[in-house]
Amino acid sequence: MFTLDSRLQQDTVLIGDFPLCRLLLSNDANYPWFILVPRREDISELFQLDVTDQRQLWQETTALAELLKDSFDADKLNVATLGNVVSQLHMHVIVRKRDDAAWPAPVWGKHPAKPYTAEQIEQVRERLRVVLTDDFRFLED
């Protein structure tokens, strides 16, 4: 049974589900920062996913990155799995702009997180509703 790591649960806003991954929004309005978490139990590394799930994760990641680049007018996208603090496998997809709070440095630890307001979260959801396909299911917290 899939359970989201408590730190991810605490630091993010639930957006919805792709066929494999749960889509979260990092609760830091400094950057449109999304996190994909494969809904598989006890997975901390990419190679622990079977080949089918590896392909699906990559398809969901690249599709999300492409739509975020266009929808958020990104200058660059940062896509990575790190997992040094949260071991549950998760993929960061971060929209970067030349005028963002940390540009060109990495976003981690650069500035304190600036939590989204309820209105800002709804604006992000609405922006995503326009571009996400039928294989995505929006969920509420």
N, C-alpha and C. Protein backbone atom coordinates (compact mmCIF):
# COMPACT_ATOMS: atom_id res chain seq x y z
N MET A 1 0.84 -1.19 0.00
CA MET A 1 0.00 0.00 0.00
C MET A 1 0.89 1.25 0.00
N PHE A 2 0.59 2.17 -0.90
CA PHE A 2 1.37 3.40 -1.03
C PHE A 2 1.04 4.36 0.10
N THR A 3 2.09 4.88 0.73
CA THR A 3 1.97 5.91 1.75
C THR A 3 2.97 7.00 1.44
N LEU A 4 2.52 8.23 1.42
CA LEU A 4 3.40 9.36 1.16
C LEU A 4 4.23 9.67 2.39
N ASP A 5 5.53 9.89 2.19
CA ASP A 5 6.43 10.26 3.28
C ASP A 5 5.87 11.47 4.02
N SER A 6 5.96 11.47 5.34
CA SER A 6 5.37 12.53 6.16
C SER A 6 5.96 13.90 5.85
N ARG A 7 7.24 13.96 5.50
CA ARG A 7 7.85 15.26 5.17
C ARG A 7 7.31 15.81 3.87
N LEU A 8 7.12 14.93 2.89
CA LEU A 8 6.51 15.38 1.64
C LEU A 8 5.07 15.84 1.89
N GLN A 9 4.37 15.09 2.69
CA GLN A 9 2.98 15.44 3.01
C GLN A 9 2.92 16.81 3.70
N GLN A 10 3.84 17.06 4.60
CA GLN A 10 3.87 18.30 5.37
C GLN A 10 4.27 19.51 4.53
N ASP A 11 5.15 19.33 3.55
CA ASP A 11 5.74 20.45 2.82
C ASP A 11 5.14 20.70 1.44
N THR A 12 4.06 19.98 1.11
CA THR A 12 3.49 20.10 -0.23
C THR A 12 1.98 20.25 -0.20
N VAL A 13 1.46 20.57 -1.37
CA VAL A 13 0.02 20.64 -1.60
C VAL A 13 -0.31 19.55 -2.61
N LEU A 14 -1.30 18.74 -2.30
CA LEU A 14 -1.73 17.68 -3.19
C LEU A 14 -2.39 18.27 -4.43
N ILE A 15 -1.95 17.82 -5.61
CA ILE A 15 -2.58 18.26 -6.85
C ILE A 15 -3.40 17.12 -7.45
N GLY A 16 -2.79 15.94 -7.61
CA GLY A 16 -3.56 14.83 -8.18
C GLY A 16 -2.68 13.67 -8.57
N ASP A 17 -3.22 12.80 -9.42
CA ASP A 17 -2.53 11.57 -9.80
C ASP A 17 -2.44 11.40 -11.31
N PHE A 18 -1.24 11.06 -11.77
CA PHE A 18 -1.02 10.51 -13.09
C PHE A 18 -1.22 9.00 -12.95
N PRO A 19 -1.14 8.23 -14.02
CA PRO A 19 -1.29 6.78 -13.87
C PRO A 19 -0.32 6.16 -12.86
N LEU A 20 0.92 6.62 -12.79
CA LEU A 20 1.88 6.09 -11.83
C LEU A 20 2.11 7.01 -10.64
N CYS A 21 2.26 8.28 -10.89
CA CYS A 21 2.77 9.20 -9.87
C CYS A 21 1.71 10.10 -9.27
N ARG A 22 1.89 10.39 -8.00
CA ARG A 22 1.15 11.44 -7.32
C ARG A 22 1.87 12.75 -7.64
N LEU A 23 1.11 13.78 -8.00
CA LEU A 23 1.68 15.09 -8.29
C LEU A 23 1.43 16.01 -7.11
N LEU A 24 2.51 16.59 -6.61
CA LEU A 24 2.47 17.51 -5.48
C LEU A 24 3.05 18.85 -5.91
N LEU A 25 2.65 19.90 -5.23
CA LEU A 25 3.21 21.23 -5.40
C LEU A 25 3.95 21.57 -4.12
N SER A 26 5.24 21.84 -4.23
CA SER A 26 6.00 22.26 -3.06
C SER A 26 5.39 23.57 -2.56
N ASN A 27 5.17 23.66 -1.26
CA ASN A 27 4.52 24.85 -0.70
C ASN A 27 5.55 25.97 -0.54
N ASP A 28 6.08 26.39 -1.69
CA ASP A 28 7.06 27.48 -1.75
C ASP A 28 6.76 28.31 -2.99
N ALA A 29 6.08 29.42 -2.80
CA ALA A 29 5.65 30.27 -3.90
C ALA A 29 6.79 31.02 -4.57
N ASN A 30 8.03 30.85 -4.08
CA ASN A 30 9.17 31.44 -4.77
C ASN A 30 9.35 30.84 -6.16
N TYR A 31 8.91 29.59 -6.35
CA TYR A 31 9.12 28.87 -7.60
C TYR A 31 7.93 27.94 -7.84
N PRO A 32 7.49 27.79 -9.09
CA PRO A 32 6.56 26.70 -9.39
C PRO A 32 7.37 25.39 -9.32
N TRP A 33 7.23 24.67 -8.22
CA TRP A 33 8.08 23.52 -7.90
C TRP A 33 7.18 22.32 -7.67
N PHE A 34 7.23 21.40 -8.60
CA PHE A 34 6.36 20.23 -8.57
C PHE A 34 7.16 18.98 -8.21
N ILE A 35 6.48 18.02 -7.62
CA ILE A 35 7.13 16.77 -7.20
C ILE A 35 6.25 15.61 -7.63
N LEU A 36 6.87 14.67 -8.34
CA LEU A 36 6.20 13.44 -8.75
C LEU A 36 6.67 12.31 -7.84
N VAL A 37 5.73 11.56 -7.27
CA VAL A 37 6.06 10.45 -6.38
C VAL A 37 5.39 9.19 -6.93
N PRO A 38 6.18 8.22 -7.40
CA PRO A 38 5.55 6.97 -7.85
C PRO A 38 4.77 6.33 -6.71
N ARG A 39 3.55 5.92 -7.00
CA ARG A 39 2.71 5.31 -5.98
C ARG A 39 3.05 3.82 -5.86
N ARG A 40 4.24 3.58 -5.39
CA ARG A 40 4.75 2.23 -5.15
C ARG A 40 5.33 2.18 -3.75
N GLU A 41 5.19 1.06 -3.11
CA GLU A 41 5.62 0.89 -1.72
C GLU A 41 7.13 0.62 -1.64
N ASP A 42 7.79 1.25 -0.66
CA ASP A 42 9.19 0.97 -0.32
C ASP A 42 10.16 1.12 -1.48
N ILE A 43 10.02 2.22 -2.24
CA ILE A 43 10.93 2.49 -3.34
C ILE A 43 11.71 3.76 -3.01
N SER A 44 13.04 3.66 -3.02
CA SER A 44 13.87 4.84 -2.75
C SER A 44 14.79 5.18 -3.93
N GLU A 45 14.93 4.26 -4.87
CA GLU A 45 15.84 4.47 -6.00
C GLU A 45 15.14 4.13 -7.31
N LEU A 46 15.53 4.81 -8.38
CA LEU A 46 14.94 4.56 -9.70
C LEU A 46 15.04 3.11 -10.11
N PHE A 47 16.19 2.49 -9.86
CA PHE A 47 16.41 1.11 -10.33
C PHE A 47 15.53 0.10 -9.59
N GLN A 48 14.90 0.50 -8.50
CA GLN A 48 14.00 -0.41 -7.78
C GLN A 48 12.63 -0.53 -8.46
N LEU A 49 12.32 0.41 -9.33
CA LEU A 49 11.09 0.31 -10.10
C LEU A 49 11.29 -0.73 -11.20
N ASP A 50 10.24 -1.46 -11.54
CA ASP A 50 10.39 -2.37 -12.68
C ASP A 50 10.49 -1.53 -13.96
N VAL A 51 10.86 -2.17 -15.04
CA VAL A 51 11.13 -1.45 -16.30
C VAL A 51 9.91 -0.68 -16.78
N THR A 52 8.75 -1.28 -16.65
CA THR A 52 7.52 -0.61 -17.08
C THR A 52 7.30 0.67 -16.27
N ASP A 53 7.48 0.61 -14.95
CA ASP A 53 7.32 1.79 -14.11
C ASP A 53 8.41 2.82 -14.36
N GLN A 54 9.63 2.39 -14.67
CA GLN A 54 10.69 3.34 -15.01
C GLN A 54 10.30 4.15 -16.25
N ARG A 55 9.80 3.45 -17.26
CA ARG A 55 9.36 4.14 -18.49
C ARG A 55 8.21 5.09 -18.19
N GLN A 56 7.26 4.62 -17.38
CA GLN A 56 6.10 5.45 -17.06
C GLN A 56 6.52 6.70 -16.28
N LEU A 57 7.42 6.55 -15.33
CA LEU A 57 7.93 7.70 -14.57
C LEU A 57 8.57 8.70 -15.52
N TRP A 58 9.38 8.22 -16.44
CA TRP A 58 10.05 9.13 -17.38
C TRP A 58 9.02 9.80 -18.29
N GLN A 59 8.01 9.07 -18.75
CA GLN A 59 6.97 9.67 -19.60
C GLN A 59 6.21 10.76 -18.84
N GLU A 60 5.85 10.48 -17.60
CA GLU A 60 5.12 11.46 -16.81
C GLU A 60 5.99 12.67 -16.50
N THR A 61 7.27 12.43 -16.22
CA THR A 61 8.19 13.53 -15.92
C THR A 61 8.37 14.43 -17.13
N THR A 62 8.63 13.84 -18.29
CA THR A 62 8.88 14.67 -19.47
C THR A 62 7.61 15.38 -19.93
N ALA A 63 6.47 14.71 -19.83
CA ALA A 63 5.21 15.37 -20.20
C ALA A 63 4.92 16.55 -19.28
N LEU A 64 5.13 16.34 -17.97
CA LEU A 64 4.92 17.43 -17.01
C LEU A 64 5.89 18.58 -17.29
N ALA A 65 7.15 18.25 -17.50
CA ALA A 65 8.15 19.30 -17.75
C ALA A 65 7.79 20.11 -18.99
N GLU A 66 7.35 19.44 -20.04
CA GLU A 66 6.99 20.14 -21.27
C GLU A 66 5.82 21.09 -21.06
N LEU A 67 4.79 20.62 -20.37
CA LEU A 67 3.64 21.51 -20.18
C LEU A 67 3.96 22.63 -19.19
N LEU A 68 4.82 22.38 -18.19
CA LEU A 68 5.20 23.45 -17.27
C LEU A 68 6.04 24.51 -17.97
N LYS A 69 6.94 24.07 -18.85
CA LYS A 69 7.79 25.04 -19.58
C LYS A 69 6.92 26.03 -20.32
N ASP A 70 5.90 25.51 -21.01
CA ASP A 70 5.01 26.38 -21.77
C ASP A 70 4.06 27.17 -20.88
N SER A 71 3.43 26.50 -19.93
CA SER A 71 2.40 27.14 -19.10
C SER A 71 2.95 28.19 -18.15
N PHE A 72 4.19 27.99 -17.69
CA PHE A 72 4.78 28.92 -16.72
C PHE A 72 5.89 29.75 -17.34
N ASP A 73 6.04 29.67 -18.67
CA ASP A 73 7.03 30.47 -19.40
C ASP A 73 8.42 30.34 -18.78
N ALA A 74 8.86 29.09 -18.58
CA ALA A 74 10.15 28.81 -17.93
C ALA A 74 11.32 29.19 -18.83
N ASP A 75 12.37 29.72 -18.21
CA ASP A 75 13.64 29.90 -18.90
C ASP A 75 14.43 28.60 -18.85
N LYS A 76 14.23 27.81 -17.80
CA LYS A 76 14.94 26.55 -17.59
C LYS A 76 14.09 25.70 -16.67
N LEU A 77 14.22 24.39 -16.81
CA LEU A 77 13.57 23.46 -15.89
C LEU A 77 14.65 22.67 -15.17
N ASN A 78 14.51 22.53 -13.87
CA ASN A 78 15.40 21.68 -13.08
C ASN A 78 14.62 20.41 -12.78
N VAL A 79 15.16 19.27 -13.22
CA VAL A 79 14.51 17.97 -13.04
C VAL A 79 15.52 17.05 -12.36
N ALA A 80 15.14 16.51 -11.19
CA ALA A 80 16.10 15.70 -10.45
C ALA A 80 15.42 14.83 -9.40
N THR A 81 16.08 13.71 -9.10
CA THR A 81 15.75 12.92 -7.92
C THR A 81 16.95 13.05 -7.00
N LEU A 82 16.72 13.38 -5.76
CA LEU A 82 17.82 13.52 -4.81
C LEU A 82 17.63 12.57 -3.64
N GLY A 83 16.69 12.85 -2.79
CA GLY A 83 16.35 11.91 -1.73
C GLY A 83 17.33 11.79 -0.59
N ASN A 84 18.13 12.81 -0.36
CA ASN A 84 19.05 12.76 0.77
C ASN A 84 18.32 12.96 2.10
N VAL A 85 17.28 13.74 2.12
CA VAL A 85 16.51 13.97 3.34
C VAL A 85 15.28 13.07 3.36
N VAL A 86 14.56 13.01 2.24
CA VAL A 86 13.39 12.14 2.10
C VAL A 86 13.79 10.99 1.20
N SER A 87 13.87 9.80 1.74
CA SER A 87 14.36 8.67 0.94
C SER A 87 13.34 8.13 -0.05
N GLN A 88 12.04 8.37 0.17
CA GLN A 88 11.03 7.90 -0.77
C GLN A 88 11.32 8.50 -2.15
N LEU A 89 11.36 7.66 -3.17
CA LEU A 89 11.66 8.13 -4.52
C LEU A 89 10.68 9.24 -4.91
N HIS A 90 11.24 10.36 -5.32
CA HIS A 90 10.43 11.47 -5.81
C HIS A 90 11.25 12.27 -6.80
N MET A 91 10.56 12.80 -7.80
CA MET A 91 11.20 13.55 -8.89
C MET A 91 10.77 15.01 -8.78
N HIS A 92 11.75 15.89 -8.65
CA HIS A 92 11.49 17.33 -8.62
C HIS A 92 11.44 17.85 -10.06
N VAL A 93 10.45 18.67 -10.35
CA VAL A 93 10.37 19.38 -11.63
C VAL A 93 10.11 20.84 -11.27
N ILE A 94 11.16 21.64 -11.38
CA ILE A 94 11.11 23.02 -10.88
C ILE A 94 11.22 24.00 -12.05
N VAL A 95 10.25 24.89 -12.13
CA VAL A 95 10.27 25.94 -13.15
C VAL A 95 11.22 27.03 -12.68
N ARG A 96 12.20 27.33 -13.51
CA ARG A 96 13.16 28.39 -13.19
C ARG A 96 13.03 29.53 -14.19
N LYS A 97 13.17 30.73 -13.63
CA LYS A 97 13.15 31.95 -14.44
C LYS A 97 14.36 32.78 -14.06
N ARG A 98 14.85 33.51 -15.01
CA ARG A 98 16.06 34.32 -14.76
C ARG A 98 15.85 35.36 -13.65
N ASP A 99 14.60 35.70 -13.36
CA ASP A 99 14.32 36.68 -12.31
C ASP A 99 13.80 36.03 -11.02
N ASP A 100 13.94 34.67 -10.89
CA ASP A 100 13.45 34.05 -9.66
C ASP A 100 14.40 34.34 -8.49
N ALA A 101 13.96 34.00 -7.30
CA ALA A 101 14.66 34.35 -6.06
C ALA A 101 16.06 33.78 -5.95
N ALA A 102 16.36 32.69 -6.65
CA ALA A 102 17.67 32.05 -6.50
C ALA A 102 18.52 32.03 -7.77
N TRP A 103 17.97 32.45 -8.88
CA TRP A 103 18.67 32.34 -10.17
C TRP A 103 20.07 32.92 -10.09
N PRO A 104 21.07 32.25 -10.63
CA PRO A 104 21.08 30.96 -11.30
C PRO A 104 21.43 29.79 -10.35
N ALA A 105 21.50 30.06 -9.08
CA ALA A 105 21.88 29.04 -8.09
C ALA A 105 20.75 28.01 -7.92
N PRO A 106 21.05 26.87 -7.30
CA PRO A 106 20.00 25.90 -6.98
C PRO A 106 19.00 26.51 -5.99
N VAL A 107 17.80 25.99 -5.98
CA VAL A 107 16.75 26.53 -5.10
C VAL A 107 16.88 26.06 -3.67
N TRP A 108 17.54 24.92 -3.44
CA TRP A 108 17.60 24.34 -2.10
C TRP A 108 18.37 25.21 -1.13
N GLY A 109 17.72 25.61 -0.05
CA GLY A 109 18.37 26.35 1.02
C GLY A 109 18.75 27.78 0.67
N LYS A 110 18.33 28.26 -0.46
CA LYS A 110 18.72 29.60 -0.90
C LYS A 110 17.90 30.68 -0.19
N HIS A 111 16.60 30.44 -0.09
CA HIS A 111 15.69 31.40 0.53
C HIS A 111 14.67 30.63 1.36
N PRO A 112 14.16 31.23 2.42
CA PRO A 112 13.10 30.56 3.18
C PRO A 112 11.88 30.34 2.29
N ALA A 113 11.20 29.24 2.49
CA ALA A 113 9.99 28.96 1.72
C ALA A 113 8.95 30.04 2.00
N LYS A 114 8.26 30.42 0.96
CA LYS A 114 7.19 31.41 1.05
C LYS A 114 5.89 30.66 0.74
N PRO A 115 5.12 30.27 1.78
CA PRO A 115 3.93 29.45 1.55
C PRO A 115 2.93 30.11 0.60
N TYR A 116 2.29 29.27 -0.19
CA TYR A 116 1.23 29.74 -1.08
C TYR A 116 0.00 30.15 -0.27
N THR A 117 -0.71 31.13 -0.77
CA THR A 117 -2.04 31.44 -0.23
C THR A 117 -3.03 30.48 -0.89
N ALA A 118 -4.21 30.35 -0.32
CA ALA A 118 -5.24 29.49 -0.91
C ALA A 118 -5.57 29.96 -2.33
N GLU A 119 -5.60 31.26 -2.53
CA GLU A 119 -5.90 31.81 -3.85
C GLU A 119 -4.80 31.45 -4.86
N GLN A 120 -3.54 31.52 -4.45
CA GLN A 120 -2.44 31.16 -5.34
C GLN A 120 -2.48 29.67 -5.71
N ILE A 121 -2.81 28.83 -4.75
CA ILE A 121 -2.92 27.39 -5.02
C ILE A 121 -4.00 27.15 -6.06
N GLU A 122 -5.13 27.81 -5.90
CA GLU A 122 -6.22 27.63 -6.86
C GLU A 122 -5.80 28.13 -8.24
N GLN A 123 -5.02 29.21 -8.31
CA GLN A 123 -4.53 29.71 -9.60
C GLN A 123 -3.62 28.68 -10.28
N VAL A 124 -2.76 28.02 -9.50
CA VAL A 124 -1.89 26.97 -10.05
C VAL A 124 -2.75 25.82 -10.55
N ARG A 125 -3.72 25.38 -9.76
CA ARG A 125 -4.61 24.29 -10.18
C ARG A 125 -5.33 24.64 -11.49
N GLU A 126 -5.83 25.86 -11.58
CA GLU A 126 -6.54 26.27 -12.79
C GLU A 126 -5.61 26.29 -14.00
N ARG A 127 -4.40 26.74 -13.81
CA ARG A 127 -3.42 26.74 -14.89
C ARG A 127 -3.16 25.32 -15.37
N LEU A 128 -3.08 24.38 -14.43
CA LEU A 128 -2.84 22.98 -14.78
C LEU A 128 -4.06 22.32 -15.42
N ARG A 129 -5.26 22.69 -14.97
CA ARG A 129 -6.48 22.10 -15.53
C ARG A 129 -6.55 22.31 -17.05
N VAL A 130 -6.04 23.43 -17.50
CA VAL A 130 -6.09 23.77 -18.92
C VAL A 130 -5.20 22.85 -19.75
N VAL A 131 -4.10 22.37 -19.15
CA VAL A 131 -3.10 21.65 -19.95
C VAL A 131 -2.96 20.16 -19.64
N LEU A 132 -3.42 19.70 -18.49
CA LEU A 132 -3.28 18.28 -18.16
C LEU A 132 -4.31 17.45 -18.92
N THR A 133 -3.89 16.28 -19.34
CA THR A 133 -4.74 15.43 -20.18
C THR A 133 -5.70 14.58 -19.35
N ASP A 134 -6.48 13.79 -20.06
CA ASP A 134 -7.50 12.96 -19.42
C ASP A 134 -6.92 11.88 -18.52
N ASP A 135 -5.61 11.56 -18.66
CA ASP A 135 -5.03 10.52 -17.82
C ASP A 135 -4.61 11.07 -16.45
N PHE A 136 -4.90 12.34 -16.20
CA PHE A 136 -4.60 12.95 -14.91
C PHE A 136 -5.89 13.14 -14.13
N ARG A 137 -5.83 12.84 -12.83
CA ARG A 137 -7.01 12.98 -11.96
C ARG A 137 -6.68 13.97 -10.85
N PHE A 138 -7.38 15.08 -10.80
CA PHE A 138 -7.18 16.06 -9.73
C PHE A 138 -7.75 15.53 -8.43
N LEU A 139 -7.04 15.78 -7.33
CA LEU A 139 -7.46 15.37 -6.01
C LEU A 139 -7.43 16.58 -5.09
N GLU A 140 -8.17 16.53 -4.03
CA GLU A 140 -8.16 17.58 -3.02
C GLU A 140 -7.51 17.03 -1.75
N ASP A 141 -6.87 17.88 -0.98
CA ASP A 141 -6.26 17.46 0.29
C ASP A 141 -7.30 16.88 1.22
